[in-house]
Amino acid sequence: QELAAAHQELGQRHQQLKTAYEDLTHAQQQLVQSEKMASLGLLVAGVAHELNNPTSYVHSNLEFIEEYAERLAEVLEDYAGEDGPNAQARRRGDARHRDSPDTLKVLRELITSCREGTERIRKIVLDLRIFSRTDDIGLIPVDLHEGIESTLNLLAKQYRNRISIHREYHPLPQVECLPGQINQVFMNLLQNAAQAIPGKGNVWIETRAEGDWVKVVIRDDGAG
């Protein structure tokens, strides 16, 4: 009878432990999800800032380009509408005609600036694609250096003018992994490093191949 009671109590304890383990696992999953959301929030804020700058000056430049294009259109209409020595003399006295070379120069500069802005936007989008590659396709060979650099680019707002990055990259073979997950690891480590440095500081990133393994070391001189 005592043995039966002990067996029953053992069964109850086992069920309690099982329930506690399930609760702990659920809490851990919620914590991981919460950390991911916090990390995602910082990432989105940083990327939005990085996209806003080039987008703003491209938009601003386009307004000036429209204005200068109208000026040149007026000049071209004058050339098309009149001819002869009197027309040429009048054009020489017209400020719009005298300023045409300067207008063209400014237009070229504005277009170059727009091109640089759109290139910056294209690079940010490429970095986002590399960082957020889906794991649905399973294990694939990836370039870890590419993943690290894309992550650093997305964290530029947190690092710029504050934290110096010291790279010690050695040749690495491509590594078969889930790219989305490994990039998330890089994101967490590099974000933690940035948050551990209250003012100016340094982050060191070292990579090397060791036999059949690849070693990635990320360290900082912050308080964490």
C-alpha atoms as a PDB file:
ATOM      1  CA  GLN A   1       0.000   0.000   0.000  1.00  0.00           C
ATOM      2  CA  GLU A   2       2.861   2.389   0.858  1.00  0.00           C
ATOM      3  CA  LEU A   3       4.548   1.410  -2.396  1.00  0.00           C
ATOM      4  CA  ALA A   4       1.383   2.229  -4.333  1.00  0.00           C
ATOM      5  CA  ALA A   5       1.094   5.592  -2.585  1.00  0.00           C
ATOM      6  CA  ALA A   6       4.749   6.360  -3.298  1.00  0.00           C
ATOM      7  CA  HIS A   7       4.256   5.386  -6.944  1.00  0.00           C
ATOM      8  CA  GLN A   8       1.230   7.652  -7.161  1.00  0.00           C
ATOM      9  CA  GLU A   9       3.120  10.544  -5.586  1.00  0.00           C
ATOM     10  CA  LEU A  10       6.049   9.938  -7.951  1.00  0.00           C
ATOM     11  CA  GLY A  11       3.642  10.113 -10.866  1.00  0.00           C
ATOM     12  CA  GLN A  12       2.242  13.394  -9.585  1.00  0.00           C
ATOM     13  CA  ARG A  13       5.745  14.813  -9.144  1.00  0.00           C
ATOM     14  CA  HIS A  14       6.626  13.712 -12.664  1.00  0.00           C
ATOM     15  CA  GLN A  15       3.548  15.459 -14.030  1.00  0.00           C
ATOM     16  CA  GLN A  16       4.392  18.597 -12.049  1.00  0.00           C
ATOM     17  CA  LEU A  17       7.941  18.564 -13.412  1.00  0.00           C
ATOM     18  CA  LYS A  18       6.631  18.038 -16.939  1.00  0.00           C
ATOM     19  CA  THR A  19       4.223  20.959 -16.550  1.00  0.00           C
ATOM     20  CA  ALA A  20       6.967  23.149 -15.064  1.00  0.00           C
ATOM     21  CA  TYR A  21       9.304  22.235 -17.948  1.00  0.00           C
ATOM     22  CA  GLU A  22       6.618  23.105 -20.505  1.00  0.00           C
ATOM     23  CA  ASP A  23       5.953  26.423 -18.744  1.00  0.00           C
ATOM     24  CA  LEU A  24       9.681  27.170 -18.671  1.00  0.00           C
ATOM     25  CA  THR A  25      10.050  26.309 -22.356  1.00  0.00           C
ATOM     26  CA  HIS A  26       7.103  28.561 -23.217  1.00  0.00           C
ATOM     27  CA  ALA A  27       8.535  31.401 -21.123  1.00  0.00           C
ATOM     28  CA  GLN A  28      11.916  30.953 -22.820  1.00  0.00           C
ATOM     29  CA  GLN A  29      10.293  31.114 -26.256  1.00  0.00           C
ATOM     30  CA  GLN A  30       8.455  34.281 -25.260  1.00  0.00           C
ATOM     31  CA  LEU A  31      11.696  35.805 -23.977  1.00  0.00           C
ATOM     32  CA  VAL A  32      13.524  34.933 -27.187  1.00  0.00           C
ATOM     33  CA  GLN A  33      10.659  36.392 -29.220  1.00  0.00           C
ATOM     34  CA  SER A  34      10.673  39.522 -27.060  1.00  0.00           C
ATOM     35  CA  GLU A  35      14.424  39.936 -27.573  1.00  0.00           C
ATOM     36  CA  LYS A  36      13.986  39.420 -31.306  1.00  0.00           C
ATOM     37  CA  MET A  37      11.270  42.076 -31.423  1.00  0.00           C
ATOM     38  CA  ALA A  38      13.431  44.515 -29.453  1.00  0.00           C
ATOM     39  CA  SER A  39      16.325  43.803 -31.800  1.00  0.00           C
ATOM     40  CA  LEU A  40      14.031  44.215 -34.795  1.00  0.00           C
ATOM     41  CA  GLY A  41      12.743  47.522 -33.432  1.00  0.00           C
ATOM     42  CA  LEU A  42      16.268  48.919 -33.166  1.00  0.00           C
ATOM     43  CA  LEU A  43      17.098  47.584 -36.616  1.00  0.00           C
ATOM     44  CA  VAL A  44      14.007  49.117 -38.227  1.00  0.00           C
ATOM     45  CA  ALA A  45      14.664  52.482 -36.559  1.00  0.00           C
ATOM     46  CA  GLY A  46      18.267  52.462 -37.762  1.00  0.00           C
ATOM     47  CA  VAL A  47      17.401  51.430 -41.309  1.00  0.00           C
ATOM     48  CA  ALA A  48      14.618  54.024 -41.480  1.00  0.00           C
ATOM     49  CA  HIS A  49      17.148  56.690 -40.476  1.00  0.00           C
ATOM     50  CA  GLU A  50      19.680  55.462 -43.038  1.00  0.00           C
ATOM     51  CA  LEU A  51      17.048  55.448 -45.793  1.00  0.00           C
ATOM     52  CA  ASN A  52      15.611  58.820 -44.821  1.00  0.00           C
ATOM     53  CA  ASN A  53      18.842  60.758 -45.405  1.00  0.00           C
ATOM     54  CA  PRO A  54      19.499  59.789 -49.054  1.00  0.00           C
ATOM     55  CA  THR A  55      15.770  59.820 -49.830  1.00  0.00           C
ATOM     56  CA  SER A  56      15.449  63.362 -48.475  1.00  0.00           C
ATOM     57  CA  TYR A  57      18.271  64.841 -50.486  1.00  0.00           C
ATOM     58  CA  VAL A  58      17.235  63.002 -53.649  1.00  0.00           C
ATOM     59  CA  HIS A  59      13.737  64.469 -53.213  1.00  0.00           C
ATOM     60  CA  SER A  60      15.171  67.924 -52.533  1.00  0.00           C
ATOM     61  CA  ASN A  61      17.532  67.718 -55.506  1.00  0.00           C
ATOM     62  CA  LEU A  62      14.697  66.720 -57.824  1.00  0.00           C
ATOM     63  CA  GLU A  63      12.875  69.953 -56.966  1.00  0.00           C
ATOM     64  CA  PHE A  64      15.953  71.989 -57.950  1.00  0.00           C
ATOM     65  CA  ILE A  65      16.454  69.875 -61.077  1.00  0.00           C
ATOM     66  CA  GLU A  66      12.886  70.664 -62.123  1.00  0.00           C
ATOM     67  CA  GLU A  67      13.499  74.388 -61.588  1.00  0.00           C
ATOM     68  CA  TYR A  68      16.770  74.428 -63.555  1.00  0.00           C
ATOM     69  CA  ALA A  69      15.262  72.289 -66.314  1.00  0.00           C
ATOM     70  CA  GLU A  70      12.497  74.889 -66.728  1.00  0.00           C
ATOM     71  CA  ARG A  71      15.118  77.620 -67.095  1.00  0.00           C
ATOM     72  CA  LEU A  72      16.939  75.662 -69.783  1.00  0.00           C
ATOM     73  CA  ALA A  73      13.642  74.901 -71.529  1.00  0.00           C
ATOM     74  CA  GLU A  74      12.917  78.636 -71.756  1.00  0.00           C
ATOM     75  CA  VAL A  75      16.363  79.262 -73.236  1.00  0.00           C
ATOM     76  CA  LEU A  76      15.898  76.471 -75.796  1.00  0.00           C
ATOM     77  CA  GLU A  77      12.497  77.875 -76.767  1.00  0.00           C
ATOM     78  CA  ASP A  78      14.137  81.265 -77.386  1.00  0.00           C
ATOM     79  CA  TYR A  79      16.720  79.653 -79.629  1.00  0.00           C
ATOM     80  CA  ALA A  80      14.035  77.768 -81.533  1.00  0.00           C
ATOM     81  CA  GLY A  81      11.727  80.770 -81.909  1.00  0.00           C
ATOM     82  CA  GLU A  82      14.102  83.452 -83.154  1.00  0.00           C
ATOM     83  CA  ASP A  83      17.044  83.750 -85.491  1.00  0.00           C
ATOM     84  CA  GLY A  84      19.298  86.396 -86.953  1.00  0.00           C
ATOM     85  CA  PRO A  85      21.847  88.911 -85.598  1.00  0.00           C
ATOM     86  CA  ASN A  86      19.292  90.894 -83.563  1.00  0.00           C
ATOM     87  CA  ALA A  87      18.115  87.745 -81.812  1.00  0.00           C
ATOM     88  CA  GLN A  88      21.697  86.736 -80.999  1.00  0.00           C
ATOM     89  CA  ALA A  89      22.443  90.168 -79.538  1.00  0.00           C
ATOM     90  CA  ARG A  90      19.309  90.048 -77.416  1.00  0.00           C
ATOM     91  CA  ARG A  91      20.267  86.631 -76.104  1.00  0.00           C
ATOM     92  CA  ARG A  92      23.705  87.877 -75.084  1.00  0.00           C
ATOM     93  CA  GLY A  93      22.013  90.559 -73.005  1.00  0.00           C
ATOM     94  CA  ASP A  94      19.563  88.124 -71.436  1.00  0.00           C
ATOM     95  CA  ALA A  95      20.739  86.888 -68.016  1.00  0.00           C
ATOM     96  CA  ARG A  96      19.073  83.533 -68.601  1.00  0.00           C
ATOM     97  CA  HIS A  97      21.303  82.891 -71.608  1.00  0.00           C
ATOM     98  CA  ARG A  98      24.432  84.130 -69.857  1.00  0.00           C
ATOM     99  CA  ASP A  99      23.723  81.821 -66.901  1.00  0.00           C
ATOM    100  CA  SER A 100      23.098  78.730 -69.029  1.00  0.00           C
ATOM    101  CA  PRO A 101      26.597  77.217 -68.526  1.00  0.00           C
ATOM    102  CA  ASP A 102      26.275  77.632 -64.748  1.00  0.00           C
ATOM    103  CA  THR A 103      22.800  76.115 -64.844  1.00  0.00           C
ATOM    104  CA  LEU A 104      24.111  73.076 -66.706  1.00  0.00           C
ATOM    105  CA  LYS A 105      26.956  72.718 -64.209  1.00  0.00           C
ATOM    106  CA  VAL A 106      24.552  72.781 -61.253  1.00  0.00           C
ATOM    107  CA  LEU A 107      22.260  70.294 -62.985  1.00  0.00           C
ATOM    108  CA  ARG A 108      25.120  67.851 -63.474  1.00  0.00           C
ATOM    109  CA  GLU A 109      26.093  68.186 -59.804  1.00  0.00           C
ATOM    110  CA  LEU A 110      22.507  67.598 -58.680  1.00  0.00           C
ATOM    111  CA  ILE A 111      22.179  64.536 -60.894  1.00  0.00           C
ATOM    112  CA  THR A 112      25.449  63.145 -59.501  1.00  0.00           C
ATOM    113  CA  SER A 113      24.167  63.724 -55.979  1.00  0.00           C
ATOM    114  CA  CYS A 114      20.901  61.939 -56.819  1.00  0.00           C
ATOM    115  CA  ARG A 115      22.834  59.030 -58.274  1.00  0.00           C
ATOM    116  CA  GLU A 116      24.889  58.749 -55.076  1.00  0.00           C
ATOM    117  CA  GLY A 117      21.714  58.849 -52.999  1.00  0.00           C
ATOM    118  CA  THR A 118      19.971  56.142 -54.999  1.00  0.00           C
ATOM    119  CA  GLU A 119      23.131  54.013 -54.863  1.00  0.00           C
ATOM    120  CA  ARG A 120      23.109  54.331 -51.080  1.00  0.00           C
ATOM    121  CA  ILE A 121      19.452  53.247 -51.006  1.00  0.00           C
ATOM    122  CA  ARG A 122      20.226  50.309 -53.310  1.00  0.00           C
ATOM    123  CA  LYS A 123      23.068  49.228 -51.000  1.00  0.00           C
ATOM    124  CA  ILE A 124      20.823  49.357 -47.910  1.00  0.00           C
ATOM    125  CA  VAL A 125      18.180  47.248 -49.669  1.00  0.00           C
ATOM    126  CA  LEU A 126      20.873  44.732 -50.692  1.00  0.00           C
ATOM    127  CA  ASP A 127      22.130  44.552 -47.098  1.00  0.00           C
ATOM    128  CA  LEU A 128      18.570  43.924 -45.903  1.00  0.00           C
ATOM    129  CA  ARG A 129      18.162  41.120 -48.416  1.00  0.00           C
ATOM    130  CA  ILE A 130      21.408  39.487 -47.308  1.00  0.00           C
ATOM    131  CA  PHE A 131      20.544  39.861 -43.621  1.00  0.00           C
ATOM    132  CA  SER A 132      16.979  38.576 -43.920  1.00  0.00           C
ATOM    133  CA  ARG A 133      17.574  35.613 -46.237  1.00  0.00           C
ATOM    134  CA  THR A 134      14.971  32.984 -45.474  1.00  0.00           C
ATOM    135  CA  ASP A 135      15.929  29.696 -43.828  1.00  0.00           C
ATOM    136  CA  ASP A 136      13.173  27.822 -45.690  1.00  0.00           C
ATOM    137  CA  ILE A 137      15.683  26.538 -48.213  1.00  0.00           C
ATOM    138  CA  GLY A 138      17.654  24.826 -45.455  1.00  0.00           C
ATOM    139  CA  LEU A 139      21.408  24.717 -45.080  1.00  0.00           C
ATOM    140  CA  ILE A 140      23.274  26.572 -47.804  1.00  0.00           C
ATOM    141  CA  PRO A 141      26.921  27.650 -48.199  1.00  0.00           C
ATOM    142  CA  VAL A 142      27.326  31.302 -47.215  1.00  0.00           C
ATOM    143  CA  ASP A 143      30.087  33.891 -46.972  1.00  0.00           C
ATOM    144  CA  LEU A 144      30.287  34.827 -43.281  1.00  0.00           C
ATOM    145  CA  HIS A 145      32.216  38.021 -44.029  1.00  0.00           C
ATOM    146  CA  GLU A 146      29.374  39.174 -46.280  1.00  0.00           C
ATOM    147  CA  GLY A 147      26.870  38.521 -43.495  1.00  0.00           C
ATOM    148  CA  ILE A 148      28.961  40.401 -40.920  1.00  0.00           C
ATOM    149  CA  GLU A 149      29.475  43.400 -43.202  1.00  0.00           C
ATOM    150  CA  SER A 150      25.794  43.592 -44.147  1.00  0.00           C
ATOM    151  CA  THR A 151      24.870  43.508 -40.462  1.00  0.00           C
ATOM    152  CA  LEU A 152      27.371  46.282 -39.694  1.00  0.00           C
ATOM    153  CA  ASN A 153      25.912  48.392 -42.485  1.00  0.00           C
ATOM    154  CA  LEU A 154      22.421  47.997 -41.031  1.00  0.00           C
ATOM    155  CA  LEU A 155      23.751  49.046 -37.610  1.00  0.00           C
ATOM    156  CA  ALA A 156      25.547  52.097 -39.016  1.00  0.00           C
ATOM    157  CA  LYS A 157      23.392  54.539 -37.038  1.00  0.00           C
ATOM    158  CA  GLN A 158      24.426  52.945 -33.731  1.00  0.00           C
ATOM    159  CA  TYR A 159      28.135  52.867 -34.627  1.00  0.00           C
ATOM    160  CA  ARG A 160      28.722  56.011 -36.682  1.00  0.00           C
ATOM    161  CA  ASN A 161      31.042  58.657 -35.162  1.00  0.00           C
ATOM    162  CA  ARG A 162      31.122  56.686 -31.931  1.00  0.00           C
ATOM    163  CA  ILE A 163      32.513  53.195 -32.281  1.00  0.00           C
ATOM    164  CA  SER A 164      35.558  52.183 -34.321  1.00  0.00           C
ATOM    165  CA  ILE A 165      35.406  48.788 -36.026  1.00  0.00           C
ATOM    166  CA  HIS A 166      38.679  46.833 -36.165  1.00  0.00           C
ATOM    167  CA  ARG A 167      38.550  43.940 -38.611  1.00  0.00           C
ATOM    168  CA  GLU A 168      40.972  41.051 -38.655  1.00  0.00           C
ATOM    169  CA  TYR A 169      39.526  38.892 -41.391  1.00  0.00           C
ATOM    170  CA  HIS A 170      41.360  35.796 -42.548  1.00  0.00           C
ATOM    171  CA  PRO A 171      40.426  33.680 -45.578  1.00  0.00           C
ATOM    172  CA  LEU A 172      37.375  31.551 -44.796  1.00  0.00           C
ATOM    173  CA  PRO A 173      35.676  28.756 -46.690  1.00  0.00           C
ATOM    174  CA  GLN A 174      31.978  29.099 -47.282  1.00  0.00           C
ATOM    175  CA  VAL A 175      30.054  27.681 -44.340  1.00  0.00           C
ATOM    176  CA  GLU A 176      26.900  25.603 -44.661  1.00  0.00           C
ATOM    177  CA  CYS A 177      24.346  27.092 -42.294  1.00  0.00           C
ATOM    178  CA  LEU A 178      20.948  28.725 -41.982  1.00  0.00           C
ATOM    179  CA  PRO A 179      21.870  32.252 -43.144  1.00  0.00           C
ATOM    180  CA  GLY A 180      18.980  34.012 -41.426  1.00  0.00           C
ATOM    181  CA  GLN A 181      19.866  32.521 -38.059  1.00  0.00           C
ATOM    182  CA  ILE A 182      23.621  33.126 -38.294  1.00  0.00           C
ATOM    183  CA  ASN A 183      23.011  36.744 -39.333  1.00  0.00           C
ATOM    184  CA  GLN A 184      20.675  37.141 -36.352  1.00  0.00           C
ATOM    185  CA  VAL A 185      23.523  35.944 -34.110  1.00  0.00           C
ATOM    186  CA  PHE A 186      25.844  38.567 -35.625  1.00  0.00           C
ATOM    187  CA  MET A 187      23.129  41.198 -35.155  1.00  0.00           C
ATOM    188  CA  ASN A 188      22.641  40.324 -31.476  1.00  0.00           C
ATOM    189  CA  LEU A 189      26.376  40.321 -30.719  1.00  0.00           C
ATOM    190  CA  LEU A 190      27.060  43.592 -32.538  1.00  0.00           C
ATOM    191  CA  GLN A 191      24.012  45.314 -31.039  1.00  0.00           C
ATOM    192  CA  ASN A 192      25.016  44.166 -27.564  1.00  0.00           C
ATOM    193  CA  ALA A 193      28.520  45.507 -28.161  1.00  0.00           C
ATOM    194  CA  ALA A 194      27.123  48.892 -29.237  1.00  0.00           C
ATOM    195  CA  GLN A 195      24.856  49.055 -26.187  1.00  0.00           C
ATOM    196  CA  ALA A 196      27.706  48.102 -23.848  1.00  0.00           C
ATOM    197  CA  ILE A 197      29.715  51.157 -24.955  1.00  0.00           C
ATOM    198  CA  PRO A 198      28.183  54.316 -23.411  1.00  0.00           C
ATOM    199  CA  GLY A 199      30.369  56.789 -25.291  1.00  0.00           C
ATOM    200  CA  LYS A 200      33.193  56.261 -27.731  1.00  0.00           C
ATOM    201  CA  GLY A 201      34.758  52.839 -27.964  1.00  0.00           C
ATOM    202  CA  ASN A 202      36.006  49.983 -30.096  1.00  0.00           C
ATOM    203  CA  VAL A 203      34.743  46.693 -31.452  1.00  0.00           C
ATOM    204  CA  TRP A 204      37.107  44.015 -32.737  1.00  0.00           C
ATOM    205  CA  ILE A 205      35.983  41.328 -35.178  1.00  0.00           C
ATOM    206  CA  GLU A 206      38.290  38.414 -35.905  1.00  0.00           C
ATOM    207  CA  THR A 207      37.651  35.477 -38.212  1.00  0.00           C
ATOM    208  CA  ARG A 208      39.833  32.498 -38.968  1.00  0.00           C
ATOM    209  CA  ALA A 209      39.642  28.905 -40.156  1.00  0.00           C
ATOM    210  CA  GLU A 210      40.811  26.268 -37.671  1.00  0.00           C
ATOM    211  CA  GLY A 211      40.866  22.826 -39.250  1.00  0.00           C
ATOM    212  CA  ASP A 212      37.309  21.861 -40.130  1.00  0.00           C
ATOM    213  CA  TRP A 213      35.945  24.717 -38.030  1.00  0.00           C
ATOM    214  CA  VAL A 214      35.487  28.439 -38.545  1.00  0.00           C
ATOM    215  CA  LYS A 215      36.066  30.801 -35.621  1.00  0.00           C
ATOM    216  CA  VAL A 216      34.406  34.213 -35.296  1.00  0.00           C
ATOM    217  CA  VAL A 217      35.351  36.396 -32.320  1.00  0.00           C
ATOM    218  CA  ILE A 218      33.535  39.672 -31.575  1.00  0.00           C
ATOM    219  CA  ARG A 219      34.680  41.702 -28.573  1.00  0.00           C
ATOM    220  CA  ASP A 220      34.360  45.264 -27.344  1.00  0.00           C
ATOM    221  CA  ASP A 221      35.842  47.551 -24.706  1.00  0.00           C
ATOM    222  CA  GLY A 222      32.473  48.462 -23.209  1.00  0.00           C
ATOM    223  CA  ALA A 223      31.212  47.886 -19.700  1.00  0.00           C
ATOM    224  CA  GLY A 224      29.266  44.717 -20.531  1.00  0.00           C
END
